[in-house]
Each structure stands twice: as structure tokens, then as C-alpha cells.
Amino acid sequence: MSYKRFGLLLPLSLGYLLDASAAGWEEKYYNPMPEAGDVVLPMPCEGSMVFRKVFIPVAGPLDDYPINIGQDGAEYGYVEQTRPTFIAGSFTGAKSDKSRYYLMAKYEMSQLQYAALTEATCPTAATKMRLPQTAVSWVQAIEAADKYNLWLRKNAAGKLPKEDGAQGFLRLPTEVEWEFAARGGLVVGAAEFRDTHYPMPEGINAYEWFAGAQSSNGKVQLTGLQKPNPLGLHDMLGNVDEMMFEPFRLNKLDRQHGQAGGYVVRGGNYLTAQADLHTALRKEEPYYNAEGQVKNKTTGLRLVLVSPTLTSRERVASIESSWKKLGTGSNEAESADKGTVQSLNSLASGVEDKALKEKLQALENQLRASNQQQEETRDQAIRASLNLGAFLCTKMLDDGQYVDFLQKNYKLNCEGADKDTSCDMRKGKLEEQKDRLHKLSRYYASSLVESATLYGQPLLETQVPVMEEIITRNKQLQDLKPYLRTHWANQKAFLQKQKIDTAAWLNSCKTVTQ
């Protein structure tokens, strides 16, 4: 939405910015549950808003990450059915970083924060003003974000993160941004991500507010009273539902329907039944009713901090270069389909008939899109093979060390003059475990060789840092990181020497250290 639309509002909305009489807010009013990794931005009236980074394991400006959102078997499939989509981050850190991120507000916008953005005089901070701001229209939510953006650029431009020199900006989240964060992002495993709730080890009552005497008891609650989701975000599924940036669309199996309607509202609220509280929950709200703009007492908002996409001439040139290579195999070994793409391009460029040229170009684009889809599916399979290799490496370490332990005990008790009465049993157990380890090593070797032969070093090498980033962000998988590196070292050794060395691979996994 253009800033020009709200130009007439600026004199009124920015008048309070000169009011420096208000004391700064105590942390308890804007961040009642501080946590490592919190990103704090200043607000008018010496206030603050807290954000959390949501990482995506791809670094290139045209790279994105495939996910599934929605819920299988949903009663309202036309609203919530699972569909594939993609997500990418806005900001990069150091040049060596293998991921990008966007920032999502840690809490739903409070009455205190909304008043600081919209009122002519600064509000007095109080605990009761930590209640989420509700009963605002979608247009008012956009206006609040607009005022915050303008204030930051005038008063705290240095606090805004930048991407390629361009300042970030605040807006309502997209559905994909919201649901990816609500499910736990990269911090949770694939199975947990696809579950109806993010992991709640202490039970849903400890994390979300919903209908009933055992939870909200029919009243909106202060922000930040409950435990956060794995990304450190509070009240994602309950308390008040939250407005999205884009209009509502129905679900047509694996894609969204062509009609755009009202705005999307995500999550549940303090009047939602516990059984209905899930990450795929979404509904449509009209922008207007007979009385004017729609304002619901159960609906609030949460902001995200993102960057523009086309940030500079250099970034545009980089994106153009990457786009031209999509589906053409420019960075891969030649294939029949990729050669066909190039042939179609050459053929179309030499055709003078306009209609025929357009048909050839359309065919080329269709083939490129098909190739691109195949490449994305292949990359997912590569990451799965790398994950399997790392896991098998951990298994070989555990089983290998167990065999060594049994071998040592057998030698101590059964190879001297005084044999233990249990030697036959010990020998049987030792041989059994040796056989298991042998079979495991052969399976590992087969998996390593097959994936190396199928994909080749360039394709595998591209996905290793992506898989490393996924493992790093997931607390439950972090211990896999040295095993992934060991597996990749084993795989590279095979690719370079074409030598199957099962014993050496077993030994490398047995000697992994954290």
C-alpha cells in the first residue's frame, strides 16, 4: 500500500513524536519473558517492540525453501487442505552465513504499543495495557505499521536491519511467514513441523489461551504469560487471532483458488475451543460490513520485519543471472531436457514469424519450469540422503563402540588361563553384534555409493551447507553436525578415488567427536 494514501495523516500522527516527557518503558511492559536472541526495536514514547529471527536455510537472493502448510484431512479442506509452497528470508548476516532470515514480533501488538503509534499523546505504561490490541480494522493495522515505519526512519534509522544497503520495513505477515513461524520453523523436526501443534511438552494449557474455565475463561489475556513456541514466539495459536497481509483465497487441492476475497485471519483466540486450536486454522474476514470497517474484539495483529526484494542494481543483475539459469542446467551436467531448452532458445531467437516465436518461447518456459520442479525435488532427495548418511554414521559409532567393548571384555575374561564360565555366551553375543555391525556398515556403504553415483559431487556439495544449516538451527539435531561432515568427507573420498572402503568409513564414524 502506498504511503501517499496516508499522507494527510502525517501531521497529526507525528505530532506526539516531539513529546519527550514520557519516561521510558520498563522491560516488563514490552518483553515480560526476555530470552537470548531477542531483537529490540525502539518505538515512540520511549517504548520498544521485540522481535525474533526466523531463519531459512538458503542464502541466494533467488533461492527458496520448500515447505508444506495446511492440514491433511481437514474438515474444511477448501480452507485448510495441505498445499506445497516456498519460503525465503529477507536479511543476510555475515558473508559466510548459509541462511537468511526475517523477523517476527515476539508478542501480539499490545494496547500500549498501539497507543504509542496512534495517539496524539504518549500513553502511561501499565500492566493492563499489555493486553493485545483488538477491535481494529485491517486498514488501521496497516496504518499503524505505516506510522511505525515512518517513525523509525526519522528517529532510529540505524536500528533497522539492512539487506544489500536497503532498510527493512514492517508490515503484517504473509500466511506462509506466519505459519512457518507458528509451526516452529527450522527449530523443530520435519514430523513435528507437519503436526497440528508445535511441540508442547508441558501440555497445551501451558502455551496457549483458548475457550473454557481451564484456560482463558472467556477473557483476553495479557501478552507473554504463557510459554513460547520453539522459536520463542508467544500466543501464536491462541489469545487473539491475527490479521495477515494478503487477501483470503480458497484452497483448490494443491493450489489456491483464483478469487481473492476479504483478509485472512490466522490462529485461534480466547473463545476458540481447544479441539479447534491448530497451526492450519485460518478464516476469512471482510474488510467492510454494513456499519463500515470490520473490527473484531477477538482479532489483533503481529508485525514482521522484512526487506525489499530488488534492493540494488547489483542485486537485480544477480537475480537476472540466476533466473536465466533456472531449469536450463547451466550449472549441472548436460542432459537431454536441458539440451532441449537451449535448442529451443536458439531456435526461437532465429525465427522471424512472431506467432511461431511466441509459441517456441512459451514451450521453452514450460520446459524450464518442469526442469526446475524436478531439480527442487531432487535437491530435497539429496538432503534426505545426507541426513540418512549422518544418522547411519551415529549408529555405526554406537554399534562399533559396543562391539569394541564386548571384544575387550571377551579378551579379558576368556583368553587367559582362567576362563569365565560365561565365555560361550560372551562369544555368541560378540559374534552377533559383529554381524549386525557388518550389515550396518554394508548398508551405509551402499547408501553412500548410490547417492554419490546418482547425484555427483557438484549437486551434493551444493546441498551440504543447506543441510548443515537445517541441523544447526534444530536443537534436537545439532549433535548430527559432526557426523554430517564425516559422512560428506567419506562421500567425497569415494567420488575422488572411486574406492569402496567400508572399514575406513566405519572407523571414521567411530572416531567422531563433538
Protein backbone atom coordinates (compact mmCIF):
# COMPACT_ATOMS: atom_id res chain seq x y z
CA MET A 1 0.00 0.00 0.00
CA SER A 2 1.36 3.42 -0.96
CA TYR A 3 2.47 5.86 1.73
CA LYS A 4 0.75 8.61 -0.31
CA ARG A 5 -2.61 7.25 0.76
CA PHE A 6 -1.88 8.25 4.34
CA GLY A 7 -0.01 11.46 3.61
CA LEU A 8 -2.73 13.62 5.18
CA LEU A 9 -2.39 11.70 8.42
CA LEU A 10 1.25 12.56 8.99
CA PRO A 11 0.94 15.95 10.70
CA LEU A 12 -1.45 14.50 13.26
CA SER A 13 0.25 11.16 13.71
CA LEU A 14 3.75 12.54 14.10
CA GLY A 15 2.89 15.44 16.40
CA TYR A 16 3.35 13.34 19.52
CA LEU A 17 6.86 12.44 18.47
CA LEU A 18 8.07 15.72 19.89
CA ASP A 19 6.72 14.77 23.30
CA ALA A 20 9.79 13.67 25.23
CA SER A 21 8.22 13.95 28.64
CA ALA A 22 7.22 10.29 28.94
CA ALA A 23 9.58 8.04 30.84
CA GLY A 24 10.98 5.00 29.08
CA TRP A 25 9.00 1.79 29.47
CA GLU A 26 10.20 -0.83 31.90
CA GLU A 27 11.04 -4.12 30.16
CA LYS A 28 8.12 -5.88 31.83
CA TYR A 29 5.71 -3.80 29.72
CA TYR A 30 7.11 -4.83 26.33
CA ASN A 31 9.14 -8.01 27.00
CA PRO A 32 7.80 -9.87 30.05
CA MET A 33 9.74 -13.03 29.14
CA PRO A 34 13.22 -11.97 27.95
CA GLU A 35 15.21 -14.58 26.08
CA ALA A 36 18.58 -14.81 24.36
CA GLY A 37 18.27 -13.82 20.72
CA ASP A 38 15.62 -11.14 21.28
CA VAL A 39 15.89 -8.24 18.83
CA VAL A 40 14.55 -4.99 20.31
CA LEU A 41 13.44 -2.02 18.20
CA PRO A 42 12.60 1.37 19.72
CA MET A 43 9.12 2.86 19.47
CA PRO A 44 7.61 6.29 20.00
CA CYS A 45 7.14 7.40 23.60
CA GLU A 46 10.42 5.74 24.57
CA GLY A 47 8.80 2.37 24.02
CA SER A 48 10.04 -0.84 22.43
CA MET A 49 8.89 -3.84 20.40
CA VAL A 50 10.67 -7.21 20.49
CA PHE A 51 11.27 -9.50 17.51
CA ARG A 52 12.64 -13.00 16.93
CA LYS A 53 14.68 -14.11 13.95
CA VAL A 54 13.12 -16.81 11.77
CA PHE A 55 15.85 -18.49 9.72
CA ILE A 56 15.54 -20.09 6.27
CA PRO A 57 18.41 -22.42 5.23
CA VAL A 58 19.17 -20.83 1.84
CA ALA A 59 21.38 -17.82 1.15
CA GLY A 60 20.99 -16.79 -2.51
CA PRO A 61 18.55 -13.98 -3.40
CA LEU A 62 16.61 -16.30 -5.75
CA ASP A 63 16.85 -19.37 -3.52
CA ASP A 64 13.82 -20.50 -1.54
CA TYR A 65 12.94 -23.42 0.68
CA PRO A 66 10.07 -25.87 0.03
CA ILE A 67 7.56 -26.46 2.82
CA ASN A 68 4.01 -27.75 3.20
CA ILE A 69 1.40 -25.72 5.02
CA GLY A 70 -2.19 -26.54 5.91
CA GLN A 71 -3.57 -29.76 7.32
CA ASP A 72 -4.39 -33.11 5.71
CA GLY A 73 -7.84 -34.49 6.29
CA ALA A 74 -9.17 -31.17 7.46
CA GLU A 75 -12.92 -30.94 7.81
CA TYR A 76 -12.78 -27.71 5.86
CA GLY A 77 -10.41 -28.86 3.14
CA TYR A 78 -11.34 -25.99 0.87
CA VAL A 79 -9.89 -23.70 3.54
CA GLU A 80 -7.11 -25.67 5.28
CA GLN A 81 -6.01 -28.54 2.99
CA THR A 82 -2.27 -29.13 2.85
CA ARG A 83 -0.52 -27.48 -0.09
CA PRO A 84 3.12 -27.10 -1.09
CA THR A 85 4.68 -23.65 -1.06
CA PHE A 86 8.05 -21.97 -0.65
CA ILE A 87 9.61 -19.51 1.79
CA ALA A 88 12.74 -17.36 1.80
CA GLY A 89 14.34 -14.96 4.24
CA SER A 90 14.97 -11.24 3.82
CA PHE A 91 18.21 -10.49 5.62
CA THR A 92 21.70 -11.98 5.49
CA GLY A 93 24.27 -11.77 8.24
CA ALA A 94 27.96 -12.33 7.58
CA LYS A 95 29.09 -13.30 4.09
CA SER A 96 29.81 -16.80 5.34
CA ASP A 97 26.23 -17.32 6.58
CA LYS A 98 24.34 -20.11 4.84
CA SER A 99 20.88 -18.80 5.69
CA ARG A 100 18.69 -15.72 5.57
CA TYR A 101 16.02 -14.61 7.99
CA TYR A 102 13.04 -12.40 8.60
CA LEU A 103 11.95 -11.07 11.98
CA MET A 104 8.57 -11.67 13.60
CA ALA A 105 7.22 -9.81 16.59
CA LYS A 106 7.64 -11.89 19.72
CA TYR A 107 4.25 -10.85 21.10
CA GLU A 108 0.94 -9.70 19.69
CA MET A 109 0.86 -5.91 19.49
CA SER A 110 -0.28 -4.59 22.87
CA GLN A 111 -2.65 -1.75 23.63
CA LEU A 112 0.33 0.19 24.94
CA GLN A 113 2.29 -0.21 21.71
CA TYR A 114 -0.71 0.62 19.53
CA ALA A 115 -1.43 3.76 21.54
CA ALA A 116 2.20 4.86 21.25
CA LEU A 117 1.90 4.60 17.46
CA THR A 118 -1.53 6.14 17.00
CA GLU A 119 -2.39 8.51 19.87
CA ALA A 120 -1.52 12.22 19.88
CA THR A 121 -0.07 11.99 23.40
CA CYS A 122 2.06 9.29 24.90
CA PRO A 123 0.26 6.66 26.97
CA THR A 124 1.23 5.84 30.52
CA ALA A 125 2.71 2.37 30.72
CA ALA A 126 0.68 -0.02 32.87
CA THR A 127 0.35 -3.78 33.18
CA LYS A 128 -3.26 -3.75 31.95
CA MET A 129 -2.07 -2.17 28.71
CA ARG A 130 -0.17 -5.38 27.93
CA LEU A 131 -3.47 -6.77 26.68
CA PRO A 132 -3.37 -7.35 22.91
CA GLN A 133 -4.82 -4.55 20.84
CA THR A 134 -8.12 -5.71 19.35
CA ALA A 135 -11.13 -4.14 17.66
CA VAL A 136 -9.04 -2.50 14.93
CA SER A 137 -9.73 -2.79 11.23
CA TRP A 138 -7.28 -4.19 8.70
CA VAL A 139 -6.78 -0.67 7.34
CA GLN A 140 -5.99 0.60 10.85
CA ALA A 141 -3.45 -2.20 11.29
CA ILE A 142 -1.77 -1.13 8.03
CA GLU A 143 -1.82 2.49 9.19
CA ALA A 144 -0.17 1.54 12.50
CA ALA A 145 2.60 -0.31 10.64
CA ASP A 146 2.99 2.68 8.32
CA LYS A 147 3.37 5.11 11.24
CA TYR A 148 5.93 2.83 12.88
CA ASN A 149 7.96 2.65 9.65
CA LEU A 150 7.96 6.42 9.25
CA TRP A 151 8.92 6.99 12.89
CA LEU A 152 11.82 4.52 12.70
CA ARG A 153 13.19 6.15 9.55
CA LYS A 154 13.08 9.57 11.19
CA ASN A 155 14.19 8.67 14.70
CA ALA A 156 16.02 5.32 14.71
CA ALA A 157 17.11 4.53 11.15
CA GLY A 158 20.33 2.98 12.42
CA LYS A 159 18.39 0.37 14.39
CA LEU A 160 16.71 -1.07 11.29
CA PRO A 161 18.43 -4.10 9.75
CA LYS A 162 19.56 -3.67 6.18
CA GLU A 163 19.80 -6.00 3.23
CA ASP A 164 22.18 -5.03 0.47
CA GLY A 165 22.11 -1.46 1.83
CA ALA A 166 18.29 -1.20 1.83
CA GLN A 167 16.49 -0.61 5.13
CA GLY A 168 13.97 -3.18 6.28
CA PHE A 169 10.34 -2.33 6.89
CA LEU A 170 7.41 -3.53 8.98
CA ARG A 171 4.12 -4.98 7.75
CA LEU A 172 1.57 -7.63 8.57
CA PRO A 173 2.90 -11.16 7.88
CA THR A 174 2.00 -13.27 4.89
CA GLU A 175 0.28 -16.58 5.57
CA VAL A 176 3.44 -18.53 4.71
CA GLU A 177 5.60 -16.39 7.02
CA TRP A 178 3.09 -16.74 9.83
CA GLU A 179 2.51 -20.49 9.53
CA PHE A 180 6.20 -21.33 9.10
CA ALA A 181 6.91 -19.44 12.33
CA ALA A 182 3.85 -20.81 14.14
CA ARG A 183 4.92 -24.40 13.41
CA GLY A 184 8.41 -23.78 14.79
CA GLY A 185 10.40 -23.20 11.60
CA LEU A 186 13.76 -24.94 11.42
CA VAL A 187 13.90 -25.41 15.19
CA VAL A 188 11.60 -28.44 15.00
CA GLY A 189 11.98 -31.66 13.03
CA ALA A 190 10.09 -32.45 9.83
CA ALA A 191 7.50 -34.63 11.60
CA GLU A 192 6.91 -32.01 14.33
CA PHE A 193 6.60 -29.30 11.68
CA ARG A 194 3.79 -31.22 9.97
CA ASP A 195 1.93 -31.88 13.24
CA THR A 196 -1.22 -29.92 14.14
CA HIS A 197 0.59 -28.20 17.03
CA TYR A 198 4.17 -27.22 17.65
CA PRO A 199 5.78 -29.36 20.41
CA MET A 200 4.18 -28.66 23.80
CA PRO A 201 5.92 -30.91 26.35
CA GLU A 202 4.03 -29.41 29.30
CA GLY A 203 0.60 -29.56 27.66
CA ILE A 204 -1.34 -27.02 25.64
CA ASN A 205 -2.59 -25.16 28.74
CA ALA A 206 0.96 -24.00 29.45
CA TYR A 207 1.39 -22.50 25.97
CA GLU A 208 -1.86 -21.15 24.55
CA TRP A 209 -5.08 -19.43 25.67
CA PHE A 210 -8.34 -20.93 24.43
CA ALA A 211 -12.01 -21.19 25.45
CA GLY A 212 -13.03 -22.72 28.77
CA ALA A 213 -12.67 -22.30 32.51
CA GLN A 214 -9.36 -24.21 32.43
CA SER A 215 -7.81 -21.60 30.15
CA SER A 216 -8.93 -18.08 29.20
CA ASN A 217 -12.35 -18.32 30.85
CA GLY A 218 -13.78 -16.15 28.10
CA LYS A 219 -11.38 -13.21 28.57
CA VAL A 220 -8.48 -11.89 26.56
CA GLN A 221 -5.20 -12.31 28.45
CA LEU A 222 -2.04 -10.26 28.89
CA THR A 223 0.68 -10.93 26.34
CA GLY A 224 3.59 -13.12 27.37
CA LEU A 225 2.02 -15.02 30.26
CA GLN A 226 2.33 -18.43 28.61
CA LYS A 227 5.36 -20.36 27.40
CA PRO A 228 6.55 -19.60 23.85
CA ASN A 229 6.68 -21.86 20.82
CA PRO A 230 10.10 -23.32 19.81
CA LEU A 231 11.04 -20.07 18.03
CA GLY A 232 10.39 -18.02 21.16
CA LEU A 233 7.09 -16.57 19.89
CA HIS A 234 4.18 -16.19 22.33
CA ASP A 235 0.44 -16.72 21.81
CA MET A 236 0.78 -17.88 18.20
CA LEU A 237 -2.25 -20.16 18.30
CA GLY A 238 -4.45 -18.53 20.92
CA ASN A 239 -5.35 -15.40 22.92
CA VAL A 240 -6.30 -13.27 19.86
CA ASP A 241 -6.26 -14.35 16.26
CA GLU A 242 -4.07 -12.32 13.93
CA MET A 243 -4.52 -10.44 10.64
CA MET A 244 -2.48 -11.40 7.59
CA PHE A 245 -1.23 -9.11 4.87
CA GLU A 246 -2.80 -10.81 1.88
CA PRO A 247 -6.42 -11.44 0.89
CA PHE A 248 -8.19 -14.72 1.57
CA ARG A 249 -8.25 -17.44 -1.10
CA LEU A 250 -9.91 -20.83 -1.05
CA ASN A 251 -7.82 -23.99 -1.35
CA LYS A 252 -8.14 -25.94 -4.59
CA LEU A 253 -6.26 -29.12 -3.66
CA ASP A 254 -2.57 -28.27 -4.20
CA ARG A 255 -3.05 -24.61 -5.13
CA GLN A 256 -5.06 -21.58 -4.12
CA HIS A 257 -8.24 -20.56 -5.93
CA GLY A 258 -8.19 -17.62 -8.30
CA GLN A 259 -10.67 -15.41 -6.43
CA ALA A 260 -9.25 -13.05 -3.80
CA GLY A 261 -11.75 -12.13 -1.07
CA GLY A 262 -11.50 -10.45 2.33
CA TYR A 263 -8.41 -10.57 4.53
CA VAL A 264 -7.00 -13.70 6.19
CA VAL A 265 -7.09 -14.23 9.95
CA ARG A 266 -4.79 -16.91 11.39
CA GLY A 267 -4.65 -18.78 14.67
CA GLY A 268 -7.34 -19.13 17.28
CA ASN A 269 -8.41 -16.84 20.10
CA TYR A 270 -9.61 -16.90 23.68
CA LEU A 271 -13.07 -18.09 22.52
CA THR A 272 -11.75 -20.92 20.29
CA ALA A 273 -12.36 -24.46 21.54
CA GLN A 274 -9.23 -26.40 22.41
CA ALA A 275 -10.03 -29.06 19.82
CA ASP A 276 -10.08 -26.40 17.10
CA LEU A 277 -6.74 -24.86 18.01
CA HIS A 278 -4.13 -25.82 15.37
CA THR A 279 -1.47 -24.26 13.16
CA ALA A 280 -3.52 -24.61 9.94
CA LEU A 281 -6.51 -22.71 11.35
CA ARG A 282 -7.47 -19.87 9.03
CA LYS A 283 -10.59 -17.92 8.19
CA GLU A 284 -11.80 -15.02 6.07
CA GLU A 285 -12.90 -11.65 7.41
CA PRO A 286 -14.44 -8.99 5.16
CA TYR A 287 -12.76 -5.61 5.08
CA TYR A 288 -16.15 -3.90 5.44
CA ASN A 289 -19.67 -4.64 6.68
CA ALA A 290 -22.85 -2.55 6.67
CA GLU A 291 -21.51 -0.35 9.51
CA GLY A 292 -18.13 0.28 7.87
CA GLN A 293 -14.70 -1.25 8.54
CA VAL A 294 -14.82 -4.64 10.28
CA LYS A 295 -13.39 -4.58 13.81
CA ASN A 296 -13.45 -7.73 15.96
CA LYS A 297 -12.87 -7.95 19.71
CA THR A 298 -11.09 -11.28 19.19
CA THR A 299 -8.71 -10.15 16.43
CA GLY A 300 -5.35 -8.42 16.85
CA LEU A 301 -2.11 -8.13 14.92
CA ARG A 302 1.55 -9.05 14.95
CA LEU A 303 4.17 -7.39 12.73
CA VAL A 304 7.04 -8.81 10.72
CA LEU A 305 10.23 -7.03 9.73
CA VAL A 306 11.37 -7.78 6.18
CA SER A 307 13.34 -6.21 3.34
CA PRO A 308 12.60 -5.20 -0.24
CA THR A 309 13.49 -7.81 -2.86
CA LEU A 310 15.12 -5.73 -5.60
CA THR A 311 17.47 -3.80 -3.37
CA SER A 312 20.10 -2.56 -5.84
CA ARG A 313 21.24 -2.72 -9.45
CA GLU A 314 23.79 -5.32 -8.44
CA ARG A 315 21.12 -7.45 -6.75
CA VAL A 316 18.86 -7.14 -9.80
CA ALA A 317 21.74 -8.24 -12.05
CA SER A 318 22.44 -11.21 -9.76
CA ILE A 319 18.76 -12.23 -9.76
CA GLU A 320 18.53 -11.87 -13.55
CA SER A 321 21.59 -14.07 -13.98
CA SER A 322 20.18 -16.71 -11.64
CA TRP A 323 16.76 -16.58 -13.28
CA LYS A 324 18.18 -17.17 -16.75
CA LYS A 325 19.81 -20.36 -15.46
CA LEU A 326 16.63 -21.79 -13.87
CA GLY A 327 15.63 -25.05 -15.50
CA THR A 328 18.42 -24.85 -18.07
CA GLY A 329 21.03 -26.98 -16.32
CA SER A 330 23.65 -24.26 -16.73
CA ASN A 331 25.32 -25.28 -13.51
CA GLU A 332 24.90 -29.02 -13.99
CA ALA A 333 25.91 -31.85 -16.23
CA GLU A 334 24.21 -31.75 -19.63
CA SER A 335 21.01 -33.74 -20.06
CA ALA A 336 18.59 -34.27 -22.89
CA ASP A 337 15.97 -31.96 -21.38
CA LYS A 338 18.50 -29.24 -20.65
CA GLY A 339 19.89 -29.51 -24.16
CA THR A 340 16.35 -29.20 -25.49
CA VAL A 341 15.87 -25.96 -23.55
CA GLN A 342 18.97 -24.48 -25.11
CA SER A 343 17.96 -25.71 -28.56
CA LEU A 344 14.50 -24.14 -28.21
CA ASN A 345 16.08 -20.87 -27.16
CA SER A 346 18.38 -20.87 -30.17
CA LEU A 347 15.53 -21.85 -32.48
CA ALA A 348 13.20 -19.15 -31.13
CA SER A 349 15.87 -16.45 -31.47
CA GLY A 350 16.30 -17.29 -35.16
CA VAL A 351 12.58 -17.32 -36.05
CA GLU A 352 11.11 -14.19 -37.65
CA ASP A 353 7.45 -15.27 -37.55
CA LYS A 354 6.09 -13.54 -34.41
CA ALA A 355 3.38 -16.11 -33.60
CA LEU A 356 5.77 -19.04 -34.01
CA LYS A 357 8.43 -17.27 -31.93
CA GLU A 358 5.93 -16.78 -29.09
CA LYS A 359 4.90 -20.44 -29.21
CA LEU A 360 8.53 -21.59 -29.08
CA GLN A 361 9.28 -19.25 -26.18
CA ALA A 362 6.18 -20.47 -24.30
CA LEU A 363 7.29 -24.07 -24.85
CA GLU A 364 10.78 -23.21 -23.61
CA ASN A 365 9.35 -21.62 -20.44
CA GLN A 366 7.14 -24.65 -19.79
CA LEU A 367 10.10 -26.99 -20.14
CA ARG A 368 12.24 -24.79 -17.88
CA ALA A 369 9.51 -24.78 -15.23
CA SER A 370 9.24 -28.56 -15.42
CA ASN A 371 13.01 -28.93 -15.12
CA GLN A 372 13.08 -26.52 -12.19
CA GLN A 373 10.43 -28.55 -10.36
CA GLN A 374 12.44 -31.72 -10.94
CA GLU A 375 15.58 -30.01 -9.65
CA GLU A 376 13.84 -28.87 -6.45
CA THR A 377 12.51 -32.38 -5.85
CA ARG A 378 16.00 -33.77 -6.48
CA ASP A 379 17.55 -31.31 -4.02
CA GLN A 380 15.10 -32.46 -1.34
CA ALA A 381 16.09 -36.07 -2.04
CA ILE A 382 19.77 -35.15 -1.76
CA ARG A 383 19.21 -33.53 1.63
CA ALA A 384 17.32 -36.63 2.76
CA SER A 385 20.24 -38.85 1.67
CA LEU A 386 22.73 -36.63 3.52
CA ASN A 387 20.58 -36.75 6.64
CA LEU A 388 20.39 -40.55 6.39
CA GLY A 389 24.16 -40.79 5.96
CA ALA A 390 24.76 -38.68 9.07
CA PHE A 391 22.30 -40.77 11.09
CA LEU A 392 23.86 -44.08 9.95
CA CYS A 393 27.23 -42.69 10.95
CA THR A 394 25.95 -42.14 14.51
CA LYS A 395 24.60 -45.68 14.53
CA MET A 396 27.95 -47.09 13.39
CA LEU A 397 29.71 -45.18 16.18
CA ASP A 398 27.36 -46.57 18.83
CA ASP A 399 27.39 -50.13 17.49
CA GLY A 400 31.12 -50.03 16.77
CA GLN A 401 31.97 -48.90 20.27
CA TYR A 402 29.68 -51.59 21.69
CA VAL A 403 31.49 -54.27 19.67
CA ASP A 404 34.83 -52.92 20.91
CA PHE A 405 33.52 -53.10 24.48
CA LEU A 406 32.37 -56.71 24.03
CA GLN A 407 35.66 -57.62 22.35
CA LYS A 408 37.66 -56.14 25.23
CA ASN A 409 35.60 -57.95 27.85
CA TYR A 410 35.87 -61.24 25.97
CA LYS A 411 39.63 -60.88 25.78
CA LEU A 412 39.93 -60.12 29.50
CA ASN A 413 37.67 -62.96 30.64
CA CYS A 414 38.08 -65.70 28.05
CA GLU A 415 41.56 -65.59 26.55
CA GLY A 416 43.57 -66.18 29.71
CA ALA A 417 44.26 -69.30 31.75
CA ASP A 418 41.20 -68.80 33.94
CA LYS A 419 38.26 -68.75 31.56
CA ASP A 420 34.96 -67.35 32.72
CA THR A 421 32.03 -69.77 32.70
CA SER A 422 30.10 -67.36 30.55
CA CYS A 423 32.62 -67.36 27.67
CA ASP A 424 30.38 -69.24 25.27
CA MET A 425 27.60 -66.76 25.89
CA ARG A 426 30.02 -63.84 25.55
CA LYS A 427 31.38 -65.19 22.28
CA GLY A 428 27.89 -65.67 20.89
CA LYS A 429 26.92 -62.14 21.82
CA LEU A 430 30.14 -60.77 20.32
CA GLU A 431 29.64 -62.59 17.03
CA GLU A 432 26.01 -61.47 16.90
CA GLN A 433 26.96 -57.81 17.34
CA LYS A 434 29.82 -58.10 14.85
CA ASP A 435 27.36 -59.43 12.29
CA ARG A 436 24.97 -56.56 12.97
CA LEU A 437 27.77 -54.03 12.62
CA HIS A 438 28.92 -55.68 9.40
CA LYS A 439 25.43 -55.47 7.91
CA LEU A 440 25.07 -51.85 9.04
CA SER A 441 28.43 -50.94 7.50
CA ARG A 442 27.44 -52.56 4.21
CA TYR A 443 24.13 -50.69 4.21
CA TYR A 444 25.94 -47.43 4.92
CA ALA A 445 28.43 -48.12 2.13
CA SER A 446 25.66 -48.97 -0.32
CA SER A 447 23.74 -45.81 0.56
CA LEU A 448 26.87 -43.66 0.26
CA VAL A 449 27.89 -45.11 -3.10
CA GLU A 450 24.38 -44.99 -4.57
CA SER A 451 23.77 -41.34 -3.70
CA ALA A 452 27.29 -40.35 -4.79
CA THR A 453 26.86 -42.14 -8.12
CA LEU A 454 23.34 -40.84 -8.68
CA TYR A 455 23.93 -37.17 -7.89
CA GLY A 456 27.66 -36.50 -8.29
CA GLN A 457 29.86 -34.16 -6.30
CA PRO A 458 28.65 -30.75 -7.60
CA LEU A 459 25.00 -31.42 -6.72
CA LEU A 460 25.82 -32.98 -3.35
CA GLU A 461 28.25 -30.20 -2.48
CA THR A 462 25.55 -27.57 -3.03
CA GLN A 463 23.17 -29.18 -0.55
CA VAL A 464 25.68 -29.92 2.24
CA PRO A 465 25.66 -26.34 3.65
CA VAL A 466 21.85 -26.25 3.41
CA MET A 467 21.60 -29.49 5.40
CA GLU A 468 24.21 -28.20 7.85
CA GLU A 469 22.13 -25.09 8.42
CA ILE A 470 18.95 -27.12 8.99
CA ILE A 471 20.76 -29.26 11.56
CA THR A 472 22.34 -26.25 13.26
CA ARG A 473 19.00 -24.48 13.78
CA ASN A 474 17.29 -27.57 15.18
CA LYS A 475 18.28 -28.11 18.81
CA GLN A 476 17.33 -31.79 18.60
CA LEU A 477 19.54 -32.37 15.56
CA GLN A 478 22.56 -30.22 16.40
CA ASP A 479 24.56 -33.25 17.54
CA LEU A 480 24.36 -34.62 13.97
CA LYS A 481 26.59 -31.86 12.60
CA PRO A 482 29.99 -33.60 13.03
CA TYR A 483 28.51 -36.83 11.66
CA LEU A 484 27.24 -34.99 8.57
CA ARG A 485 30.73 -33.60 7.99
CA THR A 486 32.25 -37.04 8.45
CA HIS A 487 29.74 -38.60 6.07
CA TRP A 488 30.43 -35.93 3.47
CA ALA A 489 34.18 -36.48 3.84
CA ASN A 490 33.64 -40.21 3.25
CA GLN A 491 31.47 -39.48 0.23
CA LYS A 492 33.99 -37.07 -1.27
CA ALA A 493 36.77 -39.61 -0.78
CA PHE A 494 34.75 -42.16 -2.76
CA LEU A 495 33.93 -39.65 -5.51
CA GLN A 496 37.58 -38.73 -5.91
CA LYS A 497 39.14 -42.20 -5.67
CA GLN A 498 36.19 -44.42 -6.68
CA LYS A 499 37.30 -46.81 -3.93
CA ILE A 500 34.80 -48.53 -1.66
CA ASP A 501 36.47 -48.59 1.76
CA THR A 502 33.84 -49.81 4.22
CA ALA A 503 36.38 -50.38 7.00
CA ALA A 504 37.79 -46.86 6.72
CA TRP A 505 34.29 -45.35 6.67
CA LEU A 506 33.35 -47.33 9.77
CA ASN A 507 36.48 -46.20 11.54
CA SER A 508 35.87 -42.54 10.62
CA CYS A 509 32.38 -42.69 12.14
CA LYS A 510 33.67 -44.49 15.25
CA THR A 511 36.14 -41.68 15.89
CA VAL A 512 33.75 -38.73 15.50
CA THR A 513 33.99 -36.20 18.31
CA GLN A 514 31.56 -33.40 19.10
